[in-house]
């Protein structure tokens, strides 16, 4: 999608501090971190939100989840992290591109919001 900031980051049109990247996904540090470790994990394919993912994207969705595990391990937070996906504006999604927040490095409270 032409105006999507995450598509531009995935295409290296906008600089980001990448921590992980494959042909299908990218992970980078959040510019406004909400925890000592705050990584955004995105598919390079534009999917606006999880509720719009198609059945054929199930393998990609699984790879996003597995990438979160790999990234957490690489960053030394594999034992204690939170993985969040907001779906829609009322749920807190501010960028219309499916993304996961990997948060770690502090105690996470419940309920989250």
Protein backbone atom coordinates (compact mmCIF):
# COMPACT_ATOMS: atom_id res chain seq x y z
CA UNK A 1 0.00 0.00 0.00
CA UNK A 2 1.51 3.30 -1.11
CA UNK A 3 0.80 5.49 1.94
CA UNK A 4 1.41 2.86 4.63
CA UNK A 5 4.31 3.77 6.91
CA UNK A 6 4.97 0.13 7.79
CA UNK A 7 5.08 -0.83 4.10
CA UNK A 8 7.62 1.95 3.59
CA UNK A 9 9.70 0.70 6.52
CA UNK A 10 9.53 -2.88 5.20
CA UNK A 11 10.65 -1.58 1.79
CA UNK A 12 13.53 0.36 3.38
CA UNK A 13 12.08 3.66 2.14
CA UNK A 14 12.01 4.88 5.76
CA UNK A 15 14.85 4.15 8.16
CA UNK A 16 14.22 1.92 11.15
CA UNK A 17 16.37 0.09 13.64
CA UNK A 18 15.80 -3.48 12.42
CA UNK A 19 16.38 -6.35 14.81
CA UNK A 20 15.18 -9.14 12.48
CA UNK A 21 14.23 -9.46 8.83
CA UNK A 22 13.31 -12.19 6.36
CA UNK A 23 11.73 -12.15 2.90
CA UNK A 24 8.28 -12.22 4.55
CA UNK A 25 8.59 -10.12 7.69
CA UNK A 26 10.46 -7.32 9.42
CA UNK A 27 10.97 -6.42 13.06
CA UNK A 28 12.23 -3.09 14.31
CA UNK A 29 12.44 -0.99 17.45
CA UNK A 30 9.38 1.11 18.25
CA UNK A 31 10.00 4.88 18.09
CA UNK A 32 7.80 5.42 21.17
CA UNK A 33 8.69 2.46 23.39
CA UNK A 34 6.26 1.45 26.11
CA UNK A 35 8.75 -0.92 27.75
CA UNK A 36 12.55 -1.23 27.87
CA UNK A 37 12.22 -3.71 24.99
CA UNK A 38 9.54 -2.72 22.46
CA UNK A 39 9.76 -4.30 19.02
CA UNK A 40 7.25 -4.03 16.16
CA UNK A 41 6.89 -7.19 14.06
CA UNK A 42 5.17 -6.87 10.68
CA UNK A 43 4.49 -8.95 7.60
CA UNK A 44 5.99 -7.31 4.53
CA UNK A 45 2.74 -8.11 2.72
CA UNK A 46 0.18 -5.43 3.50
CA UNK A 47 -2.64 -6.83 5.63
CA UNK A 48 -4.58 -4.04 7.31
CA UNK A 49 -5.52 -5.97 10.46
CA UNK A 50 -5.72 -9.50 11.77
CA UNK A 51 -9.46 -9.66 11.13
CA UNK A 52 -8.74 -9.15 7.41
CA UNK A 53 -6.17 -11.94 7.10
CA UNK A 54 -7.11 -14.58 4.55
CA UNK A 55 -6.97 -18.33 5.11
CA UNK A 56 -4.00 -18.64 2.74
CA UNK A 57 -2.07 -16.31 5.08
CA UNK A 58 -2.17 -18.80 7.98
CA UNK A 59 1.45 -19.90 7.37
CA UNK A 60 2.60 -16.26 7.37
CA UNK A 61 0.73 -15.59 10.61
CA UNK A 62 2.46 -18.57 12.18
CA UNK A 63 5.86 -17.33 11.03
CA UNK A 64 5.15 -13.93 12.63
CA UNK A 65 4.46 -15.66 15.94
CA UNK A 66 7.56 -17.83 15.63
CA UNK A 67 9.65 -14.77 14.74
CA UNK A 68 8.51 -13.20 18.03
CA UNK A 69 9.94 -16.19 19.85
CA UNK A 70 13.24 -15.94 17.92
CA UNK A 71 13.51 -12.19 18.50
CA UNK A 72 12.79 -12.54 22.21
CA UNK A 73 15.50 -15.17 22.46
CA UNK A 74 17.99 -13.03 20.53
CA UNK A 75 17.27 -10.05 22.80
CA UNK A 76 17.54 -12.10 25.99
CA UNK A 77 13.89 -11.72 27.02
CA UNK A 78 12.52 -15.13 25.97
CA UNK A 79 11.39 -16.02 29.51
CA UNK A 80 9.21 -12.93 30.04
CA UNK A 81 7.61 -10.98 27.21
CA UNK A 82 4.19 -9.88 26.05
CA UNK A 83 3.03 -10.12 22.44
CA UNK A 84 0.15 -7.78 21.52
CA UNK A 85 -1.88 -7.34 18.33
CA UNK A 86 -4.47 -4.56 18.34
CA UNK A 87 -7.28 -5.01 15.82
CA UNK A 88 -9.05 -1.79 14.83
CA UNK A 89 -9.03 1.77 16.14
CA UNK A 90 -11.18 1.08 19.21
CA UNK A 91 -8.70 -1.64 20.22
CA UNK A 92 -5.77 0.78 19.95
CA UNK A 93 -4.49 0.04 16.44
CA UNK A 94 -2.90 3.27 15.19
CA UNK A 95 -1.33 1.98 11.94
CA UNK A 96 -3.52 0.11 9.47
CA UNK A 97 -0.99 -2.65 8.84
CA UNK A 98 -1.07 -5.86 10.86
CA UNK A 99 1.65 -5.70 13.51
CA UNK A 100 2.63 -7.25 16.78
CA UNK A 101 4.20 -5.42 19.70
CA UNK A 102 6.81 -7.47 21.54
CA UNK A 103 7.16 -5.87 24.99
CA UNK A 104 9.61 -6.90 27.70
CA UNK A 105 11.96 -5.64 30.36
CA UNK A 106 9.39 -4.58 32.97
CA UNK A 107 6.51 -6.12 34.90
CA UNK A 108 3.39 -6.29 32.76
CA UNK A 109 0.13 -5.58 34.59
CA UNK A 110 -3.23 -7.22 33.97
CA UNK A 111 -5.67 -6.21 32.69
CA UNK A 112 -3.54 -4.35 30.15
CA UNK A 113 -5.92 -1.53 29.26
